[in-house]
């Protein structure tokens, strides 16, 4: 049924929720019970003054009866259904279900959102368990203490005659190792608890860098307006100094300085205004923008990633992109495949370090330098999400005889609202093997810690 033919069903559900008899509602609205029965079974259309009287009698807004569930709720329910293609879900009755049982529909929406949040938590925990040096050191220390206690106790148990002096020494060793184990355990629990209670605890230079860029939403208006190189360098120094609470390590400060210096150079080649003007003329076509602006494609991708969704959306309303405030995503890697810069995008999770999905078009670009590649990527999670991914590998150093040039690859990530049915290059990908639920993947390196068949 269409939205406008379900008003009667909503009236009936509201009446039953309030425990009101059909005859009572008919009397309050000055119509016959038989006519109300026809309305509630969607055999008579309703509107105007009668709808207002029924809404007043049920103490609800008229729109709650005539419009039913909000579009966002319906879209969310359909997204949840899309994530379970093996179930025979009656999509044609989504509006009917949400209109008749708004509470249950809201619960499903909330549980789906909770599941998505937990999946993102699994991604974060997986990364930390793999790469967090403080966590690895604590676990190593605990394992060393347990091993020492086990070895010493084995000697005491399995040796028949041990001199008193050695017994005392072994007992003292066990006591010291047990104390060390207790202290390590308490430190580990305190460390993990702080991770839960605090917004984001940074523990590595990569964490510090990401926290810094997230604080500034990956855009730096002061650098956009800098008058000259010296002014830009002063701004960079100030930005780093003001982020002393985040940029703790010397390594993170040095890397942020390099990223911001490149940001300033990119601004000189292609300003935000010039970039937005080009987008208004040719749309979101990085290759065409690079040609008309006379800059390399990697620079255009970096500049596009610095734009907010609020700036892009008015120019791309009919382009088929599902842009949010965060704009576009970006990943940069060197020739070894190590991610050197990352701007995450909702729905397209990025590993904090290496070990990303080998099926990304980013890695295809490394093996095919100077060739612009495009693929529509499909990620499987709570729902199926599609992204247009554009990648190219460009040289970092000028060509020289007798020298092998260094390359870096860029991958721009654009969220799609829908996929063209004629699209033949859709590629299923993941984030990394540890948290990818896809089965029978030729690129899998290790089993997933997530349940398959999601």
Protein backbone atom coordinates (compact mmCIF):
# COMPACT_ATOMS: atom_id res chain seq x y z
CA UNK A 1 0.00 0.00 0.00
CA UNK A 2 1.06 3.60 -0.58
CA UNK A 3 1.55 6.06 2.25
CA UNK A 4 -1.72 7.92 1.67
CA UNK A 5 -3.85 4.75 1.79
CA UNK A 6 -2.68 3.64 5.24
CA UNK A 7 -4.31 6.39 7.29
CA UNK A 8 -7.02 4.01 8.42
CA UNK A 9 -4.49 1.45 9.70
CA UNK A 10 -2.76 4.14 11.72
CA UNK A 11 -6.06 5.31 13.20
CA UNK A 12 -6.89 1.76 14.25
CA UNK A 13 -3.47 1.19 15.83
CA UNK A 14 -3.62 4.48 17.74
CA UNK A 15 -7.11 3.67 18.98
CA UNK A 16 -6.08 0.19 20.15
CA UNK A 17 -2.97 1.56 21.88
CA UNK A 18 -5.19 3.90 23.90
CA UNK A 19 -7.68 1.12 24.69
CA UNK A 20 -10.54 2.98 23.04
CA UNK A 21 -13.48 1.14 21.54
CA UNK A 22 -14.43 1.74 17.95
CA UNK A 23 -17.91 2.89 18.95
CA UNK A 24 -16.46 5.44 21.39
CA UNK A 25 -14.19 6.95 18.77
CA UNK A 26 -17.07 7.05 16.26
CA UNK A 27 -19.26 8.87 18.79
CA UNK A 28 -16.56 11.44 19.60
CA UNK A 29 -16.01 12.20 15.92
CA UNK A 30 -19.75 12.23 15.08
CA UNK A 31 -19.67 9.40 12.51
CA UNK A 32 -21.19 5.93 12.52
CA UNK A 33 -19.23 2.96 13.80
CA UNK A 34 -19.72 1.16 10.47
CA UNK A 35 -18.21 4.08 8.55
CA UNK A 36 -15.27 4.21 10.98
CA UNK A 37 -14.79 0.48 10.45
CA UNK A 38 -14.48 1.07 6.69
CA UNK A 39 -11.96 3.86 7.34
CA UNK A 40 -9.85 1.72 9.66
CA UNK A 41 -9.68 -1.04 7.04
CA UNK A 42 -8.52 1.49 4.43
CA UNK A 43 -11.72 1.17 2.40
CA UNK A 44 -12.54 4.85 2.63
CA UNK A 45 -10.17 7.75 2.16
CA UNK A 46 -10.11 10.37 4.86
CA UNK A 47 -8.99 13.95 5.06
CA UNK A 48 -10.07 17.48 5.91
CA UNK A 49 -12.17 18.19 8.98
CA UNK A 50 -12.87 14.52 9.74
CA UNK A 51 -9.15 13.77 9.98
CA UNK A 52 -8.73 16.73 12.32
CA UNK A 53 -11.60 15.51 14.55
CA UNK A 54 -10.19 11.96 14.73
CA UNK A 55 -6.68 13.28 15.48
CA UNK A 56 -8.10 15.47 18.26
CA UNK A 57 -10.03 12.53 19.71
CA UNK A 58 -6.88 10.39 19.70
CA UNK A 59 -4.75 13.30 20.98
CA UNK A 60 -2.19 13.03 18.15
CA UNK A 61 -0.99 15.31 15.39
CA UNK A 62 -2.93 14.89 12.12
CA UNK A 63 0.35 14.32 10.30
CA UNK A 64 1.00 11.25 12.47
CA UNK A 65 -2.12 9.70 10.94
CA UNK A 66 -1.85 10.98 7.38
CA UNK A 67 1.91 10.73 6.84
CA UNK A 68 2.89 7.83 9.04
CA UNK A 69 6.51 6.96 9.65
CA UNK A 70 9.17 9.49 8.75
CA UNK A 71 11.20 8.97 5.61
CA UNK A 72 14.39 8.56 7.63
CA UNK A 73 12.88 5.69 9.59
CA UNK A 74 11.69 3.99 6.42
CA UNK A 75 15.07 4.43 4.77
CA UNK A 76 16.76 2.98 7.84
CA UNK A 77 14.48 -0.07 7.83
CA UNK A 78 15.20 -0.67 4.16
CA UNK A 79 18.94 -0.37 4.82
CA UNK A 80 18.67 -2.97 7.56
CA UNK A 81 16.76 -5.28 5.21
CA UNK A 82 19.40 -4.81 2.50
CA UNK A 83 22.01 -6.18 4.88
CA UNK A 84 20.15 -9.49 5.11
CA UNK A 85 19.50 -10.49 1.49
CA UNK A 86 18.95 -14.16 2.41
CA UNK A 87 15.82 -13.33 4.42
CA UNK A 88 12.47 -12.99 2.67
CA UNK A 89 11.70 -9.50 3.99
CA UNK A 90 8.48 -7.92 2.70
CA UNK A 91 9.94 -4.59 1.56
CA UNK A 92 6.64 -3.57 -0.03
CA UNK A 93 5.08 -3.52 3.43
CA UNK A 94 7.77 -1.44 5.15
CA UNK A 95 5.50 1.61 5.38
CA UNK A 96 2.64 -0.50 6.66
CA UNK A 97 4.83 -2.01 9.37
CA UNK A 98 6.37 1.31 10.45
CA UNK A 99 2.97 3.03 10.47
CA UNK A 100 1.22 0.33 12.48
CA UNK A 101 4.08 -0.46 14.84
CA UNK A 102 6.22 2.67 15.17
CA UNK A 103 7.69 1.47 18.46
CA UNK A 104 8.94 -1.81 17.02
CA UNK A 105 10.21 0.00 13.92
CA UNK A 106 12.15 2.44 16.10
CA UNK A 107 13.56 -0.44 18.13
CA UNK A 108 14.84 -2.16 14.98
CA UNK A 109 16.37 1.11 13.84
CA UNK A 110 18.06 1.57 17.21
CA UNK A 111 19.37 -2.00 17.34
CA UNK A 112 20.75 -1.68 13.82
CA UNK A 113 22.54 1.52 14.77
CA UNK A 114 23.88 -0.19 17.89
CA UNK A 115 25.17 -3.10 15.81
CA UNK A 116 26.92 -0.70 13.45
CA UNK A 117 28.52 1.07 16.42
CA UNK A 118 29.72 -2.23 17.88
CA UNK A 119 31.21 -3.23 14.54
CA UNK A 120 33.19 0.02 14.50
CA UNK A 121 34.30 -0.76 18.07
CA UNK A 122 35.53 -4.16 16.92
CA UNK A 123 37.55 -2.43 14.20
CA UNK A 124 39.14 -0.12 16.77
CA UNK A 125 39.85 -2.91 19.26
CA UNK A 126 41.30 -5.11 16.53
CA UNK A 127 43.67 -2.35 15.49
CA UNK A 128 44.70 -1.66 19.07
CA UNK A 129 45.29 -5.31 19.87
CA UNK A 130 47.50 -5.56 16.79
CA UNK A 131 49.42 -2.28 16.89
CA UNK A 132 49.13 -0.58 20.28
CA UNK A 133 52.71 -0.63 21.68
CA UNK A 134 51.67 0.10 25.27
CA UNK A 135 49.14 -2.71 25.26
CA UNK A 136 51.62 -5.11 23.66
CA UNK A 137 54.28 -4.18 26.23
CA UNK A 138 51.87 -4.70 29.14
CA UNK A 139 50.77 -8.10 27.83
CA UNK A 140 54.40 -9.10 27.22
CA UNK A 141 55.33 -8.11 30.77
CA UNK A 142 52.42 -10.10 32.19
CA UNK A 143 53.33 -13.13 30.11
CA UNK A 144 56.93 -12.91 31.30
CA UNK A 145 55.83 -12.79 34.95
CA UNK A 146 53.48 -15.76 34.52
CA UNK A 147 56.20 -17.77 32.79
CA UNK A 148 58.70 -17.00 35.56
CA UNK A 149 56.24 -18.05 38.29
CA UNK A 150 55.40 -21.23 36.40
CA UNK A 151 59.07 -22.17 35.98
CA UNK A 152 59.99 -21.48 39.60
CA UNK A 153 56.99 -23.33 41.01
CA UNK A 154 57.76 -26.32 38.78
CA UNK A 155 61.24 -26.55 40.28
CA UNK A 156 59.83 -26.48 43.82
CA UNK A 157 57.23 -29.12 43.08
CA UNK A 158 59.28 -31.51 40.95
CA UNK A 159 62.56 -31.44 42.91
CA UNK A 160 62.63 -33.76 45.90
CA UNK A 161 65.42 -32.23 47.92
CA UNK A 162 66.23 -28.52 47.70
CA UNK A 163 68.52 -26.75 50.06
CA UNK A 164 66.91 -24.29 52.40
CA UNK A 165 68.89 -21.41 50.94
CA UNK A 166 67.63 -22.22 47.42
CA UNK A 167 64.07 -22.70 48.65
CA UNK A 168 64.14 -19.23 50.19
CA UNK A 169 65.53 -17.80 46.96
CA UNK A 170 62.81 -19.50 44.86
CA UNK A 171 60.10 -18.32 47.25
CA UNK A 172 61.47 -14.79 47.05
CA UNK A 173 61.49 -14.97 43.24
CA UNK A 174 57.88 -16.16 43.17
CA UNK A 175 56.85 -13.34 45.50
CA UNK A 176 58.62 -10.70 43.36
CA UNK A 177 57.20 -12.10 40.11
CA UNK A 178 53.71 -12.25 41.60
CA UNK A 179 54.03 -8.64 42.72
CA UNK A 180 55.18 -7.63 39.24
CA UNK A 181 52.27 -9.54 37.72
CA UNK A 182 49.81 -7.77 40.02
CA UNK A 183 51.22 -4.35 39.19
CA UNK A 184 51.16 -5.07 35.44
CA UNK A 185 47.57 -6.31 35.65
CA UNK A 186 46.45 -3.24 37.56
CA UNK A 187 48.23 -0.95 35.10
CA UNK A 188 46.61 -2.73 32.16
CA UNK A 189 43.12 -2.50 33.69
CA UNK A 190 43.66 1.20 34.45
CA UNK A 191 44.88 1.82 30.91
CA UNK A 192 41.90 0.07 29.32
CA UNK A 193 39.44 1.81 31.66
CA UNK A 194 40.87 5.18 30.71
CA UNK A 195 40.34 4.31 27.05
CA UNK A 196 36.67 3.74 27.77
CA UNK A 197 36.10 6.81 29.91
CA UNK A 198 38.07 9.33 27.86
CA UNK A 199 37.02 10.45 24.37
CA UNK A 200 40.19 9.36 22.63
CA UNK A 201 43.45 8.40 24.26
CA UNK A 202 46.33 8.81 21.84
CA UNK A 203 49.20 6.39 22.30
CA UNK A 204 51.18 6.47 19.04
CA UNK A 205 52.31 9.20 16.62
CA UNK A 206 49.68 7.98 14.14
CA UNK A 207 46.97 8.41 16.77
CA UNK A 208 48.22 11.90 17.58
CA UNK A 209 48.25 12.91 13.91
CA UNK A 210 44.73 11.62 13.30
CA UNK A 211 43.38 13.32 16.43
CA UNK A 212 44.95 16.61 15.29
CA UNK A 213 43.40 16.50 11.82
CA UNK A 214 40.02 15.40 13.17
CA UNK A 215 40.02 18.37 15.55
CA UNK A 216 40.39 20.69 12.54
CA UNK A 217 38.05 18.67 10.28
CA UNK A 218 40.96 18.25 7.85
CA UNK A 219 40.70 21.90 6.76
CA UNK A 220 42.84 24.87 7.79
CA UNK A 221 41.33 28.23 6.91
CA UNK A 222 44.30 30.16 8.28
CA UNK A 223 46.60 28.43 5.80
CA UNK A 224 44.09 29.10 3.03
CA UNK A 225 44.47 32.82 3.76
CA UNK A 226 48.23 32.90 4.46
CA UNK A 227 49.97 35.80 2.71
CA UNK A 228 53.31 34.16 1.98
CA UNK A 229 55.55 31.21 2.85
CA UNK A 230 56.86 32.78 6.06
CA UNK A 231 53.34 33.61 7.21
CA UNK A 232 52.28 30.03 6.43
CA UNK A 233 55.22 28.64 8.43
CA UNK A 234 54.29 30.83 11.39
CA UNK A 235 50.71 29.55 11.21
CA UNK A 236 51.94 25.95 11.10
CA UNK A 237 54.13 26.54 14.15
CA UNK A 238 51.19 28.07 16.00
CA UNK A 239 48.82 25.24 15.08
CA UNK A 240 51.28 22.65 16.38
CA UNK A 241 51.93 24.62 19.58
CA UNK A 242 48.19 24.98 20.26
CA UNK A 243 47.80 21.22 19.90
CA UNK A 244 50.35 20.37 22.57
CA UNK A 245 47.74 18.31 24.39
CA UNK A 246 47.49 16.01 21.33
CA UNK A 247 50.83 16.24 19.53
CA UNK A 248 52.99 14.90 22.33
CA UNK A 249 55.69 13.05 20.44
CA UNK A 250 58.39 14.68 18.33
CA UNK A 251 57.57 12.27 15.50
CA UNK A 252 53.93 13.36 15.35
CA UNK A 253 54.90 17.05 15.41
CA UNK A 254 57.36 16.55 12.56
CA UNK A 255 54.87 14.61 10.44
CA UNK A 256 52.08 17.14 11.02
CA UNK A 257 54.48 19.91 10.01
CA UNK A 258 55.20 18.07 6.74
CA UNK A 259 51.49 17.49 6.06
CA UNK A 260 50.62 21.13 6.73
CA UNK A 261 53.50 22.38 4.58
CA UNK A 262 52.17 20.26 1.73
CA UNK A 263 48.68 21.62 2.43
CA UNK A 264 50.03 25.17 2.02
CA UNK A 265 51.79 24.26 -1.25
CA UNK A 266 48.55 22.71 -2.53
CA UNK A 267 46.65 25.90 -1.69
CA UNK A 268 49.13 27.91 -3.79
CA UNK A 269 48.51 25.61 -6.74
CA UNK A 270 44.74 25.36 -6.37
CA UNK A 271 42.76 27.59 -4.02
CA UNK A 272 39.42 26.54 -2.56
CA UNK A 273 37.60 29.20 -4.55
CA UNK A 274 39.20 28.09 -7.84
CA UNK A 275 38.43 24.47 -6.99
CA UNK A 276 34.75 25.18 -6.22
CA UNK A 277 34.46 27.21 -9.42
CA UNK A 278 35.76 24.27 -11.44
CA UNK A 279 33.36 21.87 -9.71
CA UNK A 280 30.43 24.18 -10.52
CA UNK A 281 31.46 24.04 -14.20
CA UNK A 282 32.46 20.41 -14.79
CA UNK A 283 31.19 18.58 -11.69
CA UNK A 284 33.28 16.29 -9.54
CA UNK A 285 35.81 15.28 -12.21
CA UNK A 286 39.30 15.35 -10.66
CA UNK A 287 41.05 14.48 -13.94
CA UNK A 288 39.40 17.36 -15.82
CA UNK A 289 40.09 19.76 -12.94
CA UNK A 290 43.75 18.70 -12.95
CA UNK A 291 44.03 19.38 -16.67
CA UNK A 292 42.34 22.78 -16.62
CA UNK A 293 44.20 23.87 -13.47
CA UNK A 294 47.60 22.62 -14.56
CA UNK A 295 48.26 20.62 -11.36
CA UNK A 296 48.80 16.93 -10.78
CA UNK A 297 45.90 14.65 -9.96
CA UNK A 298 47.18 13.84 -6.47
CA UNK A 299 47.05 17.54 -5.55
CA UNK A 300 43.47 17.80 -6.81
CA UNK A 301 42.45 14.79 -4.71
CA UNK A 302 44.02 16.28 -1.60
CA UNK A 303 42.28 19.59 -2.19
CA UNK A 304 38.93 17.89 -2.76
CA UNK A 305 39.32 16.00 0.53
CA UNK A 306 39.80 19.31 2.36
CA UNK A 307 36.36 20.58 1.27
CA UNK A 308 33.42 20.07 3.60
CA UNK A 309 30.24 18.37 2.52
CA UNK A 310 28.39 21.64 3.12
CA UNK A 311 30.48 23.29 0.40
CA UNK A 312 30.16 20.39 -2.05
CA UNK A 313 26.50 19.45 -1.65
CA UNK A 314 24.96 22.54 -3.35
CA UNK A 315 27.16 21.90 -6.40
CA UNK A 316 26.49 18.14 -6.59
CA UNK A 317 22.83 17.78 -5.67
CA UNK A 318 21.98 15.78 -8.79
CA UNK A 319 25.27 13.92 -9.18
CA UNK A 320 24.20 10.78 -7.29
CA UNK A 321 26.50 11.23 -4.27
CA UNK A 322 25.37 10.76 -0.67
CA UNK A 323 27.48 13.55 0.79
CA UNK A 324 27.47 14.37 4.49
CA UNK A 325 29.14 17.18 6.41
CA UNK A 326 32.47 15.32 6.45
CA UNK A 327 32.77 15.50 2.65
CA UNK A 328 35.02 13.02 0.82
CA UNK A 329 37.45 10.42 2.11
CA UNK A 330 41.11 10.13 1.16
CA UNK A 331 43.88 7.56 1.58
CA UNK A 332 47.52 8.07 0.59
CA UNK A 333 50.17 5.37 0.64
CA UNK A 334 53.82 5.08 -0.36
CA UNK A 335 55.34 2.46 -2.66
CA UNK A 336 55.49 -0.07 0.18
CA UNK A 337 51.71 0.13 0.62
CA UNK A 338 52.00 1.84 4.02
CA UNK A 339 49.21 4.34 4.65
CA UNK A 340 50.85 7.74 5.12
CA UNK A 341 47.67 9.82 5.29
CA UNK A 342 44.05 8.90 5.91
CA UNK A 343 40.81 10.82 6.09
CA UNK A 344 38.11 8.32 7.14
CA UNK A 345 34.58 8.42 5.79
CA UNK A 346 31.43 7.13 7.46
CA UNK A 347 30.70 3.63 6.21
CA UNK A 348 34.19 3.20 4.75
CA UNK A 349 36.33 2.18 7.71
CA UNK A 350 40.09 2.65 7.36
CA UNK A 351 42.69 0.68 9.32
CA UNK A 352 44.85 2.90 11.48
CA UNK A 353 48.05 1.42 10.10
CA UNK A 354 48.89 -1.06 7.35
CA UNK A 355 47.22 -4.37 6.50
CA UNK A 356 44.37 -2.81 4.54
CA UNK A 357 42.26 -4.75 2.05
CA UNK A 358 44.47 -5.79 -0.92
CA UNK A 359 41.47 -5.39 -3.24
CA UNK A 360 41.42 -1.59 -2.89
CA UNK A 361 42.00 0.19 -6.18
CA UNK A 362 44.70 2.14 -4.28
CA UNK A 363 47.01 -0.87 -4.49
CA UNK A 364 46.22 -1.50 -8.14
CA UNK A 365 47.38 2.05 -8.81
CA UNK A 366 50.79 1.33 -7.25
CA UNK A 367 51.45 -1.37 -9.83
CA UNK A 368 50.18 0.84 -12.68
CA UNK A 369 51.86 4.24 -12.20
CA UNK A 370 50.39 7.32 -13.89
CA UNK A 371 47.19 5.50 -14.88
CA UNK A 372 43.97 6.93 -13.42
CA UNK A 373 41.77 4.11 -12.11
CA UNK A 374 38.13 4.07 -11.08
CA UNK A 375 36.05 1.40 -9.37
CA UNK A 376 32.74 1.26 -7.56
CA UNK A 377 33.51 -0.50 -4.29
CA UNK A 378 30.94 -2.47 -2.31
CA UNK A 379 31.35 -2.86 1.43
CA UNK A 380 29.33 -5.41 3.34
CA UNK A 381 28.31 -4.74 6.90
CA UNK A 382 25.01 -3.93 8.57
CA UNK A 383 23.92 -2.75 5.13
CA UNK A 384 25.50 -2.81 1.70
CA UNK A 385 27.28 0.48 1.01
CA UNK A 386 28.74 1.62 -2.30
CA UNK A 387 31.54 4.10 -2.90
CA UNK A 388 33.17 5.46 -5.99
CA UNK A 389 36.93 5.10 -5.55
CA UNK A 390 39.37 7.02 -7.75
CA UNK A 391 43.09 6.26 -7.56
CA UNK A 392 46.37 7.19 -9.21
CA UNK A 393 50.06 6.66 -8.46
CA UNK A 394 52.33 9.63 -9.18
CA UNK A 395 56.09 10.18 -8.72
CA UNK A 396 57.36 12.03 -5.67
CA UNK A 397 60.74 12.77 -7.22
CA UNK A 398 61.63 14.09 -10.68
CA UNK A 399 63.04 11.56 -13.17
CA UNK A 400 66.80 11.19 -13.16
CA UNK A 401 69.04 8.87 -15.14
CA UNK A 402 70.30 6.02 -13.03
CA UNK A 403 67.77 6.69 -10.22
CA UNK A 404 64.54 4.84 -9.51
CA UNK A 405 61.73 7.34 -8.83
CA UNK A 406 59.66 7.14 -5.66
CA UNK A 407 55.89 6.90 -6.12
CA UNK A 408 52.92 7.51 -3.88
CA UNK A 409 49.30 6.56 -4.55
CA UNK A 410 46.13 8.51 -3.74
CA UNK A 411 42.61 7.09 -3.45
CA UNK A 412 39.66 9.48 -3.25
CA UNK A 413 36.49 8.00 -1.73
CA UNK A 414 33.07 9.29 -2.76
CA UNK A 415 29.89 7.93 -1.09
CA UNK A 416 27.18 6.95 -3.58
CA UNK A 417 23.47 7.34 -2.97
CA UNK A 418 22.71 4.51 -5.42
CA UNK A 419 24.45 2.36 -7.99
CA UNK A 420 23.67 2.35 -11.69
CA UNK A 421 22.15 -1.00 -12.59
CA UNK A 422 24.42 -1.06 -15.64
CA UNK A 423 27.51 -0.67 -13.47
CA UNK A 424 29.68 -3.70 -14.31
CA UNK A 425 32.80 -2.88 -12.29
CA UNK A 426 31.41 -3.08 -8.77
CA UNK A 427 34.04 -4.77 -6.63
CA UNK A 428 33.38 -6.28 -3.19
CA UNK A 429 36.09 -5.09 -0.80
CA UNK A 430 36.69 -4.85 2.93
CA UNK A 431 38.67 -2.88 5.48
CA UNK A 432 41.15 -5.54 6.54
CA UNK A 433 40.93 -9.31 6.75
CA UNK A 434 40.59 -9.34 10.55
CA UNK A 435 37.25 -7.55 10.50
CA UNK A 436 35.92 -8.48 7.04
CA UNK A 437 32.90 -10.86 7.04
CA UNK A 438 33.12 -11.79 3.35
CA UNK A 439 33.55 -15.45 2.52
CA UNK A 440 35.55 -17.06 -0.29
CA UNK A 441 37.75 -14.02 -0.85
CA UNK A 442 40.91 -14.75 -2.82
CA UNK A 443 42.71 -11.88 -1.12
CA UNK A 444 42.10 -13.11 2.44
CA UNK A 445 45.27 -13.36 4.53
CA UNK A 446 43.79 -14.49 7.83
CA UNK A 447 40.42 -15.59 9.25
CA UNK A 448 37.98 -12.87 10.27
CA UNK A 449 37.10 -12.30 13.91
CA UNK A 450 33.57 -11.35 12.81
CA UNK A 451 30.78 -13.79 12.09
CA UNK A 452 30.40 -14.58 8.39
CA UNK A 453 27.24 -14.14 6.42
CA UNK A 454 26.36 -10.69 7.75
